[in-house]
Amino acid sequence: MKVRELLSLWEQTAAGTLTADSYDVRLSIKDAARLNALAELYPRRNIEELITDLLTAALDEMESVMPYQQGSKVVAFDEQGDPLYEDVGPTPRYLSLTEKHLSRYKHSDNH
């Protein structure tokens, strides 16, 4: 999700599956003022929902800009037959750790 997509999301007041976990954060006064301004602009969204949506958009964007670092191992070939090399940058580890934690959350929901 891109940050620009949040405006239409907030208009529609979408909902998703949430964990039981919560996180306490301290904001700068400028960020707190901006969140309060968004809450007034979109009164159907509370501050916590706005924070959740903004964090989701930021994490999606961060994931999309993680640097690809070409390794030496060929893992596939493209349509033209050119080799595609493994990514030895942070992305594969990040995705693996994300899946590990996602699996833990899904497993805990079943019990």
PDB file of N, CA and C in Angstrom:
ATOM      1  N   MET A   1       0.857  -1.176   0.000  1.00  0.00           N
ATOM      2  CA  MET A   1       0.000   0.000   0.000  1.00  0.00           C
ATOM      3  C   MET A   1       0.897   1.231   0.000  1.00  0.00           C
ATOM      4  N   LYS A   2       0.576   2.193  -0.820  1.00  0.00           N
ATOM      5  CA  LYS A   2       1.302   3.453  -0.886  1.00  0.00           C
ATOM      6  C   LYS A   2       0.628   4.471   0.024  1.00  0.00           C
ATOM      7  N   VAL A   3       1.427   5.408   0.485  1.00  0.00           N
ATOM      8  CA  VAL A   3       0.888   6.448   1.362  1.00  0.00           C
ATOM      9  C   VAL A   3      -0.262   7.166   0.679  1.00  0.00           C
ATOM     10  N   ARG A   4      -0.141   7.424  -0.621  1.00  0.00           N
ATOM     11  CA  ARG A   4      -1.208   8.151  -1.327  1.00  0.00           C
ATOM     12  C   ARG A   4      -2.525   7.367  -1.367  1.00  0.00           C
ATOM     13  N   GLU A   5      -2.442   6.046  -1.200  1.00  0.00           N
ATOM     14  CA  GLU A   5      -3.653   5.227  -1.200  1.00  0.00           C
ATOM     15  C   GLU A   5      -4.415   5.320   0.123  1.00  0.00           C
ATOM     16  N   LEU A   6      -3.746   5.827   1.139  1.00  0.00           N
ATOM     17  CA  LEU A   6      -4.400   5.912   2.444  1.00  0.00           C
ATOM     18  C   LEU A   6      -5.617   6.815   2.440  1.00  0.00           C
ATOM     19  N   LEU A   7      -5.559   7.883   1.694  1.00  0.00           N
ATOM     20  CA  LEU A   7      -6.687   8.810   1.688  1.00  0.00           C
ATOM     21  C   LEU A   7      -7.968   8.132   1.244  1.00  0.00           C
ATOM     22  N   SER A   8      -7.893   7.339   0.177  1.00  0.00           N
ATOM     23  CA  SER A   8      -9.105   6.643  -0.260  1.00  0.00           C
ATOM     24  C   SER A   8      -9.473   5.533   0.720  1.00  0.00           C
ATOM     25  N   LEU A   9      -8.482   4.896   1.329  1.00  0.00           N
ATOM     26  CA  LEU A   9      -8.761   3.881   2.334  1.00  0.00           C
ATOM     27  C   LEU A   9      -9.517   4.481   3.507  1.00  0.00           C
ATOM     28  N   TRP A  10      -9.067   5.628   3.964  1.00  0.00           N
ATOM     29  CA  TRP A  10      -9.720   6.274   5.100  1.00  0.00           C
ATOM     30  C   TRP A  10     -11.130   6.703   4.758  1.00  0.00           C
ATOM     31  N   GLU A  11     -11.348   7.069   3.509  1.00  0.00           N
ATOM     32  CA  GLU A  11     -12.695   7.427   3.091  1.00  0.00           C
ATOM     33  C   GLU A  11     -13.621   6.217   3.187  1.00  0.00           C
ATOM     34  N   GLN A  12     -13.085   5.036   2.950  1.00  0.00           N
ATOM     35  CA  GLN A  12     -13.888   3.819   2.946  1.00  0.00           C
ATOM     36  C   GLN A  12     -13.900   3.121   4.300  1.00  0.00           C
ATOM     37  N   THR A  13     -13.076   3.551   5.240  1.00  0.00           N
ATOM     38  CA  THR A  13     -12.926   2.958   6.578  1.00  0.00           C
ATOM     39  C   THR A  13     -12.769   1.442   6.522  1.00  0.00           C
ATOM     40  N   ALA A  14     -11.755   0.998   5.805  1.00  0.00           N
ATOM     41  CA  ALA A  14     -11.467  -0.434   5.704  1.00  0.00           C
ATOM     42  C   ALA A  14     -10.983  -0.980   7.041  1.00  0.00           C
ATOM     43  N   ALA A  15     -11.185  -2.270   7.227  1.00  0.00           N
ATOM     44  CA  ALA A  15     -10.743  -2.939   8.452  1.00  0.00           C
ATOM     45  C   ALA A  15      -9.950  -4.182   8.073  1.00  0.00           C
ATOM     46  N   GLY A  16      -9.080  -4.628   8.959  1.00  0.00           N
ATOM     47  CA  GLY A  16      -8.288  -5.826   8.726  1.00  0.00           C
ATOM     48  C   GLY A  16      -8.141  -6.611  10.014  1.00  0.00           C
ATOM     49  N   THR A  17      -7.486  -7.764   9.925  1.00  0.00           N
ATOM     50  CA  THR A  17      -7.246  -8.589  11.089  1.00  0.00           C
ATOM     51  C   THR A  17      -6.136  -7.968  11.919  1.00  0.00           C
ATOM     52  N   LEU A  18      -6.375  -7.830  13.204  1.00  0.00           N
ATOM     53  CA  LEU A  18      -5.407  -7.216  14.096  1.00  0.00           C
ATOM     54  C   LEU A  18      -4.899  -8.227  15.111  1.00  0.00           C
ATOM     55  N   THR A  19      -3.669  -8.025  15.572  1.00  0.00           N
ATOM     56  CA  THR A  19      -3.125  -8.868  16.630  1.00  0.00           C
ATOM     57  C   THR A  19      -3.596  -8.343  17.978  1.00  0.00           C
ATOM     58  N   ALA A  20      -3.376  -9.126  19.000  1.00  0.00           N
ATOM     59  CA  ALA A  20      -3.665  -8.677  20.355  1.00  0.00           C
ATOM     60  C   ALA A  20      -2.530  -7.796  20.880  1.00  0.00           C
ATOM     61  N   ASP A  21      -1.392  -7.796  20.177  1.00  0.00           N
ATOM     62  CA  ASP A  21      -0.243  -6.994  20.596  1.00  0.00           C
ATOM     63  C   ASP A  21      -0.533  -5.508  20.429  1.00  0.00           C
ATOM     64  N   SER A  22       0.026  -4.726  21.330  1.00  0.00           N
ATOM     65  CA  SER A  22      -0.044  -3.277  21.178  1.00  0.00           C
ATOM     66  C   SER A  22       1.345  -2.722  21.454  1.00  0.00           C
ATOM     67  N   TYR A  23       1.612  -1.542  20.929  1.00  0.00           N
ATOM     68  CA  TYR A  23       2.917  -0.931  21.039  1.00  0.00           C
ATOM     69  C   TYR A  23       2.753   0.507  21.502  1.00  0.00           C
ATOM     70  N   ASP A  24       3.460   0.870  22.542  1.00  0.00           N
ATOM     71  CA  ASP A  24       3.442   2.247  23.020  1.00  0.00           C
ATOM     72  C   ASP A  24       4.511   3.024  22.268  1.00  0.00           C
ATOM     73  N   VAL A  25       4.138   4.162  21.726  1.00  0.00           N
ATOM     74  CA  VAL A  25       5.100   5.001  21.016  1.00  0.00           C
ATOM     75  C   VAL A  25       4.986   6.430  21.522  1.00  0.00           C
ATOM     76  N   ARG A  26       6.088   7.137  21.486  1.00  0.00           N
ATOM     77  CA  ARG A  26       6.094   8.558  21.818  1.00  0.00           C
ATOM     78  C   ARG A  26       6.384   9.301  20.522  1.00  0.00           C
ATOM     79  N   LEU A  27       5.574  10.291  20.246  1.00  0.00           N
ATOM     80  CA  LEU A  27       5.685  11.040  18.999  1.00  0.00           C
ATOM     81  C   LEU A  27       6.250  12.425  19.259  1.00  0.00           C
ATOM     82  N   SER A  28       6.875  12.963  18.219  1.00  0.00           N
ATOM     83  CA  SER A  28       7.267  14.365  18.301  1.00  0.00           C
ATOM     84  C   SER A  28       5.983  15.198  18.305  1.00  0.00           C
ATOM     85  N   ILE A  29       6.052  16.419  18.769  1.00  0.00           N
ATOM     86  CA  ILE A  29       4.840  17.240  18.802  1.00  0.00           C
ATOM     87  C   ILE A  29       4.352  17.545  17.391  1.00  0.00           C
ATOM     88  N   LYS A  30       5.271  17.628  16.441  1.00  0.00           N
ATOM     89  CA  LYS A  30       4.851  17.868  15.056  1.00  0.00           C
ATOM     90  C   LYS A  30       4.068  16.669  14.521  1.00  0.00           C
ATOM     91  N   ASP A  31       4.574  15.446  14.763  1.00  0.00           N
ATOM     92  CA  ASP A  31       3.858  14.254  14.304  1.00  0.00           C
ATOM     93  C   ASP A  31       2.510  14.115  15.006  1.00  0.00           C
ATOM     94  N   ALA A  32       2.467  14.414  16.296  1.00  0.00           N
ATOM     95  CA  ALA A  32       1.196  14.359  17.029  1.00  0.00           C
ATOM     96  C   ALA A  32       0.206  15.363  16.452  1.00  0.00           C
ATOM     97  N   ALA A  33       0.683  16.548  16.126  1.00  0.00           N
ATOM     98  CA  ALA A  33      -0.192  17.562  15.530  1.00  0.00           C
ATOM     99  C   ALA A  33      -0.703  17.093  14.171  1.00  0.00           C
ATOM    100  N   ARG A  34       0.168  16.475  13.380  1.00  0.00           N
ATOM    101  CA  ARG A  34      -0.257  15.987  12.063  1.00  0.00           C
ATOM    102  C   ARG A  34      -1.281  14.868  12.192  1.00  0.00           C
ATOM    103  N   LEU A  35      -1.084  13.968  13.157  1.00  0.00           N
ATOM    104  CA  LEU A  35      -2.069  12.903  13.373  1.00  0.00           C
ATOM    105  C   LEU A  35      -3.418  13.471  13.799  1.00  0.00           C
ATOM    106  N   ASN A  36      -3.393  14.436  14.685  1.00  0.00           N
ATOM    107  CA  ASN A  36      -4.642  15.062  15.122  1.00  0.00           C
ATOM    108  C   ASN A  36      -5.329  15.790  13.969  1.00  0.00           C
ATOM    109  N   ALA A  37      -4.544  16.403  13.101  1.00  0.00           N
ATOM    110  CA  ALA A  37      -5.122  17.066  11.934  1.00  0.00           C
ATOM    111  C   ALA A  37      -5.801  16.043  11.022  1.00  0.00           C
ATOM    112  N   LEU A  38      -5.140  14.888  10.799  1.00  0.00           N
ATOM    113  CA  LEU A  38      -5.749  13.827   9.989  1.00  0.00           C
ATOM    114  C   LEU A  38      -7.018  13.296  10.643  1.00  0.00           C
ATOM    115  N   ALA A  39      -6.994  13.165  11.954  1.00  0.00           N
ATOM    116  CA  ALA A  39      -8.179  12.681  12.670  1.00  0.00           C
ATOM    117  C   ALA A  39      -9.353  13.640  12.514  1.00  0.00           C
ATOM    118  N   GLU A  40      -9.070  14.939  12.461  1.00  0.00           N
ATOM    119  CA  GLU A  40     -10.157  15.908  12.229  1.00  0.00           C
ATOM    120  C   GLU A  40     -10.634  15.865  10.790  1.00  0.00           C
ATOM    121  N   LEU A  41      -9.706  15.668   9.851  1.00  0.00           N
ATOM    122  CA  LEU A  41     -10.090  15.576   8.439  1.00  0.00           C
ATOM    123  C   LEU A  41     -10.892  14.316   8.146  1.00  0.00           C
ATOM    124  N   TYR A  42     -10.556  13.211   8.830  1.00  0.00           N
ATOM    125  CA  TYR A  42     -11.194  11.916   8.608  1.00  0.00           C
ATOM    126  C   TYR A  42     -11.747  11.410   9.944  1.00  0.00           C
ATOM    127  N   PRO A  43     -12.859  11.968  10.388  1.00  0.00           N
ATOM    128  CA  PRO A  43     -13.383  11.664  11.724  1.00  0.00           C
ATOM    129  C   PRO A  43     -13.843  10.217  11.903  1.00  0.00           C
ATOM    130  N   ARG A  44     -13.996   9.470  10.826  1.00  0.00           N
ATOM    131  CA  ARG A  44     -14.375   8.065  10.975  1.00  0.00           C
ATOM    132  C   ARG A  44     -13.176   7.189  11.326  1.00  0.00           C
ATOM    133  N   ARG A  45     -11.975   7.772  11.358  1.00  0.00           N
ATOM    134  CA  ARG A  45     -10.756   7.045  11.721  1.00  0.00           C
ATOM    135  C   ARG A  45     -10.230   7.603  13.036  1.00  0.00           C
ATOM    136  N   ASN A  46     -10.007   6.732  14.023  1.00  0.00           N
ATOM    137  CA  ASN A  46      -9.413   7.222  15.261  1.00  0.00           C
ATOM    138  C   ASN A  46      -7.888   7.266  15.114  1.00  0.00           C
ATOM    139  N   ILE A  47      -7.234   7.869  16.086  1.00  0.00           N
ATOM    140  CA  ILE A  47      -5.776   8.053  16.017  1.00  0.00           C
ATOM    141  C   ILE A  47      -5.059   6.709  15.853  1.00  0.00           C
ATOM    142  N   GLU A  48      -5.491   5.685  16.576  1.00  0.00           N
ATOM    143  CA  GLU A  48      -4.836   4.385  16.492  1.00  0.00           C
ATOM    144  C   GLU A  48      -4.972   3.785  15.095  1.00  0.00           C
ATOM    145  N   GLU A  49      -6.137   3.948  14.481  1.00  0.00           N
ATOM    146  CA  GLU A  49      -6.319   3.446  13.114  1.00  0.00           C
ATOM    147  C   GLU A  49      -5.431   4.203  12.136  1.00  0.00           C
ATOM    148  N   LEU A  50      -5.323   5.504  12.323  1.00  0.00           N
ATOM    149  CA  LEU A  50      -4.458   6.295  11.459  1.00  0.00           C
ATOM    150  C   LEU A  50      -2.999   5.845  11.595  1.00  0.00           C
ATOM    151  N   ILE A  51      -2.549   5.644  12.834  1.00  0.00           N
ATOM    152  CA  ILE A  51      -1.183   5.176  13.055  1.00  0.00           C
ATOM    153  C   ILE A  51      -0.970   3.819  12.390  1.00  0.00           C
ATOM    154  N   THR A  52      -1.923   2.917  12.559  1.00  0.00           N
ATOM    155  CA  THR A  52      -1.818   1.591  11.953  1.00  0.00           C
ATOM    156  C   THR A  52      -1.722   1.691  10.436  1.00  0.00           C
ATOM    157  N   ASP A  53      -2.595   2.499   9.833  1.00  0.00           N
ATOM    158  CA  ASP A  53      -2.588   2.648   8.377  1.00  0.00           C
ATOM    159  C   ASP A  53      -1.294   3.285   7.877  1.00  0.00           C
ATOM    160  N   LEU A  54      -0.844   4.309   8.568  1.00  0.00           N
ATOM    161  CA  LEU A  54       0.405   4.971   8.173  1.00  0.00           C
ATOM    162  C   LEU A  54       1.594   4.035   8.317  1.00  0.00           C
ATOM    163  N   LEU A  55       1.628   3.261   9.377  1.00  0.00           N
ATOM    164  CA  LEU A  55       2.715   2.314   9.575  1.00  0.00           C
ATOM    165  C   LEU A  55       2.699   1.240   8.495  1.00  0.00           C
ATOM    166  N   THR A  56       1.514   0.738   8.155  1.00  0.00           N
ATOM    167  CA  THR A  56       1.397  -0.248   7.082  1.00  0.00           C
ATOM    168  C   THR A  56       1.930   0.312   5.769  1.00  0.00           C
ATOM    169  N   ALA A  57       1.541   1.527   5.442  1.00  0.00           N
ATOM    170  CA  ALA A  57       2.008   2.153   4.200  1.00  0.00           C
ATOM    171  C   ALA A  57       3.521   2.351   4.222  1.00  0.00           C
ATOM    172  N   ALA A  58       4.060   2.775   5.353  1.00  0.00           N
ATOM    173  CA  ALA A  58       5.505   2.992   5.461  1.00  0.00           C
ATOM    174  C   ALA A  58       6.262   1.668   5.347  1.00  0.00           C
ATOM    175  N   LEU A  59       5.757   0.609   5.993  1.00  0.00           N
ATOM    176  CA  LEU A  59       6.416  -0.690   5.896  1.00  0.00           C
ATOM    177  C   LEU A  59       6.354  -1.243   4.476  1.00  0.00           C
ATOM    178  N   ASP A  60       5.215  -1.078   3.805  1.00  0.00           N
ATOM    179  CA  ASP A  60       5.100  -1.520   2.407  1.00  0.00           C
ATOM    180  C   ASP A  60       6.106  -0.789   1.531  1.00  0.00           C
ATOM    181  N   GLU A  61       6.202   0.524   1.730  1.00  0.00           N
ATOM    182  CA  GLU A  61       7.136   1.312   0.936  1.00  0.00           C
ATOM    183  C   GLU A  61       8.578   0.946   1.257  1.00  0.00           C
ATOM    184  N   MET A  62       8.900   0.758   2.534  1.00  0.00           N
ATOM    185  CA  MET A  62      10.242   0.376   2.942  1.00  0.00           C
ATOM    186  C   MET A  62      10.627  -0.952   2.301  1.00  0.00           C
ATOM    187  N   GLU A  63       9.699  -1.895   2.293  1.00  0.00           N
ATOM    188  CA  GLU A  63       9.943  -3.199   1.690  1.00  0.00           C
ATOM    189  C   GLU A  63      10.218  -3.073   0.196  1.00  0.00           C
ATOM    190  N   SER A  64       9.506  -2.181  -0.464  1.00  0.00           N
ATOM    191  CA  SER A  64       9.668  -2.038  -1.910  1.00  0.00           C
ATOM    192  C   SER A  64      10.975  -1.352  -2.305  1.00  0.00           C
ATOM    193  N   VAL A  65      11.595  -0.635  -1.389  1.00  0.00           N
ATOM    194  CA  VAL A  65      12.843   0.058  -1.721  1.00  0.00           C
ATOM    195  C   VAL A  65      14.076  -0.598  -1.101  1.00  0.00           C
ATOM    196  N   MET A  66      13.901  -1.755  -0.468  1.00  0.00           N
ATOM    197  CA  MET A  66      15.068  -2.460   0.066  1.00  0.00           C
ATOM    198  C   MET A  66      16.017  -2.757  -1.085  1.00  0.00           C
ATOM    199  N   PRO A  67      17.310  -2.563  -0.855  1.00  0.00           N
ATOM    200  CA  PRO A  67      18.255  -2.737  -1.959  1.00  0.00           C
ATOM    201  C   PRO A  67      18.447  -4.206  -2.350  1.00  0.00           C
ATOM    202  N   TYR A  68      18.477  -4.423  -3.645  1.00  0.00           N
ATOM    203  CA  TYR A  68      18.820  -5.732  -4.195  1.00  0.00           C
ATOM    204  C   TYR A  68      20.333  -5.780  -4.301  1.00  0.00           C
ATOM    205  N   GLN A  69      20.913  -6.849  -3.767  1.00  0.00           N
ATOM    206  CA  GLN A  69      22.348  -7.051  -3.907  1.00  0.00           C
ATOM    207  C   GLN A  69      22.562  -8.375  -4.614  1.00  0.00           C
ATOM    208  N   GLN A  70      23.134  -8.289  -5.801  1.00  0.00           N
ATOM    209  CA  GLN A  70      23.312  -9.479  -6.627  1.00  0.00           C
ATOM    210  C   GLN A  70      24.352 -10.412  -6.038  1.00  0.00           C
ATOM    211  N   GLY A  71      23.960 -11.669  -5.900  1.00  0.00           N
ATOM    212  CA  GLY A  71      24.883 -12.702  -5.466  1.00  0.00           C
ATOM    213  C   GLY A  71      25.504 -13.376  -6.673  1.00  0.00           C
ATOM    214  N   SER A  72      26.231 -14.447  -6.442  1.00  0.00           N
ATOM    215  CA  SER A  72      26.898 -15.154  -7.539  1.00  0.00           C
ATOM    216  C   SER A  72      26.093 -16.345  -8.045  1.00  0.00           C
ATOM    217  N   LYS A  73      25.080 -16.773  -7.280  1.00  0.00           N
ATOM    218  CA  LYS A  73      24.285 -17.948  -7.634  1.00  0.00           C
ATOM    219  C   LYS A  73      23.137 -17.578  -8.575  1.00  0.00           C
ATOM    220  N   VAL A  74      23.044 -18.279  -9.706  1.00  0.00           N
ATOM    221  CA  VAL A  74      21.932 -18.093 -10.638  1.00  0.00           C
ATOM    222  C   VAL A  74      20.743 -18.879 -10.107  1.00  0.00           C
ATOM    223  N   VAL A  75      19.601 -18.187  -9.942  1.00  0.00           N
ATOM    224  CA  VAL A  75      18.415 -18.847  -9.389  1.00  0.00           C
ATOM    225  C   VAL A  75      17.318 -19.059 -10.423  1.00  0.00           C
ATOM    226  N   ALA A  76      17.418 -18.377 -11.566  1.00  0.00           N
ATOM    227  CA  ALA A  76      16.410 -18.523 -12.625  1.00  0.00           C
ATOM    228  C   ALA A  76      16.931 -17.823 -13.871  1.00  0.00           C
ATOM    229  N   PHE A  77      16.128 -17.899 -14.920  1.00  0.00           N
ATOM    230  CA  PHE A  77      16.440 -17.209 -16.163  1.00  0.00           C
ATOM    231  C   PHE A  77      15.216 -16.426 -16.595  1.00  0.00           C
ATOM    232  N   ASP A  78      15.424 -15.224 -17.142  1.00  0.00           N
ATOM    233  CA  ASP A  78      14.296 -14.419 -17.594  1.00  0.00           C
ATOM    234  C   ASP A  78      13.824 -14.881 -18.960  1.00  0.00           C
ATOM    235  N   GLU A  79      12.842 -14.162 -19.529  1.00  0.00           N
ATOM    236  CA  GLU A  79      12.239 -14.552 -20.804  1.00  0.00           C
ATOM    237  C   GLU A  79      13.247 -14.589 -21.943  1.00  0.00           C
ATOM    238  N   GLN A  80      14.295 -13.776 -21.852  1.00  0.00           N
ATOM    239  CA  GLN A  80      15.319 -13.740 -22.900  1.00  0.00           C
ATOM    240  C   GLN A  80      16.435 -14.744 -22.647  1.00  0.00           C
ATOM    241  N   GLY A  81      16.342 -15.503 -21.581  1.00  0.00           N
ATOM    242  CA  GLY A  81      17.365 -16.488 -21.255  1.00  0.00           C
ATOM    243  C   GLY A  81      18.520 -15.932 -20.443  1.00  0.00           C
ATOM    244  N   ASP A  82      18.406 -14.673 -20.014  1.00  0.00           N
ATOM    245  CA  ASP A  82      19.464 -14.073 -19.209  1.00  0.00           C
ATOM    246  C   ASP A  82      19.345 -14.569 -17.766  1.00  0.00           C
ATOM    247  N   PRO A  83      20.478 -14.771 -17.111  1.00  0.00           N
ATOM    248  CA  PRO A  83      20.435 -15.283 -15.738  1.00  0.00           C
ATOM    249  C   PRO A  83      19.911 -14.253 -14.743  1.00  0.00           C
ATOM    250  N   LEU A  84      19.180 -14.738 -13.750  1.00  0.00           N
ATOM    251  CA  LEU A  84      18.740 -13.937 -12.615  1.00  0.00           C
ATOM    252  C   LEU A  84      19.492 -14.464 -11.404  1.00  0.00           C
ATOM    253  N   TYR A  85      20.134 -13.569 -10.684  1.00  0.00           N
ATOM    254  CA  TYR A  85      20.985 -13.965  -9.568  1.00  0.00           C
ATOM    255  C   TYR A  85      20.263 -13.797  -8.236  1.00  0.00           C
ATOM    256  N   GLU A  86      20.665 -14.618  -7.282  1.00  0.00           N
ATOM    257  CA  GLU A  86      20.081 -14.534  -5.951  1.00  0.00           C
ATOM    258  C   GLU A  86      20.323 -13.152  -5.360  1.00  0.00           C
ATOM    259  N   ASP A  87      19.423 -12.760  -4.493  1.00  0.00           N
ATOM    260  CA  ASP A  87      19.546 -11.494  -3.767  1.00  0.00           C
ATOM    261  C   ASP A  87      20.244 -11.813  -2.452  1.00  0.00           C
ATOM    262  N   VAL A  88      21.430 -11.236  -2.232  1.00  0.00           N
ATOM    263  CA  VAL A  88      22.159 -11.461  -0.991  1.00  0.00           C
ATOM    264  C   VAL A  88      22.057 -10.243  -0.066  1.00  0.00           C
ATOM    265  N   GLY A  89      21.182  -9.318  -0.410  1.00  0.00           N
ATOM    266  CA  GLY A  89      20.951  -8.134   0.408  1.00  0.00           C
ATOM    267  C   GLY A  89      20.030  -8.454   1.570  1.00  0.00           C
ATOM    268  N   PRO A  90      19.482  -7.437   2.221  1.00  0.00           N
ATOM    269  CA  PRO A  90      18.641  -7.652   3.401  1.00  0.00           C
ATOM    270  C   PRO A  90      17.242  -8.188   3.087  1.00  0.00           C
ATOM    271  N   THR A  91      16.787  -8.063   1.854  1.00  0.00           N
ATOM    272  CA  THR A  91      15.406  -8.431   1.519  1.00  0.00           C
ATOM    273  C   THR A  91      15.073  -9.888   1.821  1.00  0.00           C
ATOM    274  N   PRO A  92      15.870 -10.869   1.360  1.00  0.00           N
ATOM    275  CA  PRO A  92      15.494 -12.261   1.650  1.00  0.00           C
ATOM    276  C   PRO A  92      15.410 -12.564   3.145  1.00  0.00           C
ATOM    277  N   ARG A  93      16.328 -12.036   3.917  1.00  0.00           N
ATOM    278  CA  ARG A  93      16.312 -12.269   5.371  1.00  0.00           C
ATOM    279  C   ARG A  93      15.086 -11.599   5.990  1.00  0.00           C
ATOM    280  N   TYR A  94      14.809 -10.374   5.564  1.00  0.00           N
ATOM    281  CA  TYR A  94      13.638  -9.650   6.069  1.00  0.00           C
ATOM    282  C   TYR A  94      12.352 -10.429   5.758  1.00  0.00           C
ATOM    283  N   LEU A  95      12.216 -10.901   4.522  1.00  0.00           N
ATOM    284  CA  LEU A  95      11.014 -11.641   4.134  1.00  0.00           C
ATOM    285  C   LEU A  95      10.903 -12.949   4.913  1.00  0.00           C
ATOM    286  N   SER A  96      12.020 -13.626   5.137  1.00  0.00           N
ATOM    287  CA  SER A  96      12.022 -14.859   5.914  1.00  0.00           C
ATOM    288  C   SER A  96      11.602 -14.597   7.355  1.00  0.00           C
ATOM    289  N   LEU A  97      12.143 -13.548   7.952  1.00  0.00           N
ATOM    290  CA  LEU A  97      11.766 -13.201   9.322  1.00  0.00           C
ATOM    291  C   LEU A  97      10.304 -12.773   9.408  1.00  0.00           C
ATOM    292  N   THR A  98       9.833 -12.064   8.396  1.00  0.00           N
ATOM    293  CA  THR A  98       8.423 -11.671   8.355  1.00  0.00           C
ATOM    294  C   THR A  98       7.541 -12.909   8.325  1.00  0.00           C
ATOM    295  N   GLU A  99       7.886 -13.880   7.490  1.00  0.00           N
ATOM    296  CA  GLU A  99       7.103 -15.119   7.409  1.00  0.00           C
ATOM    297  C   GLU A  99       7.137 -15.872   8.731  1.00  0.00           C
ATOM    298  N   LYS A 100       8.285 -15.890   9.395  1.00  0.00           N
ATOM    299  CA  LYS A 100       8.400 -16.563  10.696  1.00  0.00           C
ATOM    300  C   LYS A 100       7.419 -15.954  11.696  1.00  0.00           C
ATOM    301  N   HIS A 101       7.405 -14.630  11.771  1.00  0.00           N
ATOM    302  CA  HIS A 101       6.525 -13.966  12.733  1.00  0.00           C
ATOM    303  C   HIS A 101       5.060 -14.054  12.314  1.00  0.00           C
ATOM    304  N   LEU A 102       4.800 -13.995  11.024  1.00  0.00           N
ATOM    305  CA  LEU A 102       3.432 -14.143  10.529  1.00  0.00           C
ATOM    306  C   LEU A 102       2.897 -15.533  10.869  1.00  0.00           C
ATOM    307  N   SER A 103       3.736 -16.539  10.705  1.00  0.00           N
ATOM    308  CA  SER A 103       3.339 -17.906  11.045  1.00  0.00           C
ATOM    309  C   SER A 103       3.035 -18.023  12.531  1.00  0.00           C
ATOM    310  N   ARG A 104       3.841 -17.380  13.356  1.00  0.00           N
ATOM    311  CA  ARG A 104       3.617 -17.399  14.807  1.00  0.00           C
ATOM    312  C   ARG A 104       2.269 -16.766  15.147  1.00  0.00           C
ATOM    313  N   TYR A 105       1.964 -15.631  14.498  1.00  0.00           N
ATOM    314  CA  TYR A 105       0.674 -14.977  14.763  1.00  0.00           C
ATOM    315  C   TYR A 105      -0.483 -15.854  14.310  1.00  0.00           C
ATOM    316  N   LYS A 106      -0.358 -16.461  13.138  1.00  0.00           N
ATOM    317  CA  LYS A 106      -1.432 -17.321  12.643  1.00  0.00           C
ATOM    318  C   LYS A 106      -1.613 -18.536  13.540  1.00  0.00           C
ATOM    319  N   HIS A 107      -0.513 -19.082  14.025  1.00  0.00           N
ATOM    320  CA  HIS A 107      -0.581 -20.251  14.908  1.00  0.00           C
ATOM    321  C   HIS A 107      -1.235 -19.897  16.236  1.00  0.00           C
ATOM    322  N   SER A 108      -0.905 -18.728  16.762  1.00  0.00           N
ATOM    323  CA  SER A 108      -1.492 -18.325  18.050  1.00  0.00           C
ATOM    324  C   SER A 108      -2.974 -18.000  17.924  1.00  0.00           C
ATOM    325  N   ASP A 109      -3.433 -17.609  16.727  1.00  0.00           N
ATOM    326  CA  ASP A 109      -4.862 -17.338  16.510  1.00  0.00           C
ATOM    327  C   ASP A 109      -5.676 -18.627  16.538  1.00  0.00           C
ATOM    328  N   ASN A 110      -5.040 -19.746  16.216  1.00  0.00           N
ATOM    329  CA  ASN A 110      -5.754 -21.026  16.163  1.00  0.00           C
ATOM    330  C   ASN A 110      -5.888 -21.677  17.527  1.00  0.00           C
ATOM    331  N   HIS A 111      -5.268 -21.101  18.534  1.00  0.00           N
ATOM    332  CA  HIS A 111      -5.325 -21.686  19.867  1.00  0.00           C
ATOM    333  C   HIS A 111      -5.955 -20.789  20.861  1.00  0.00           C
TER     334      HIS A 111
END
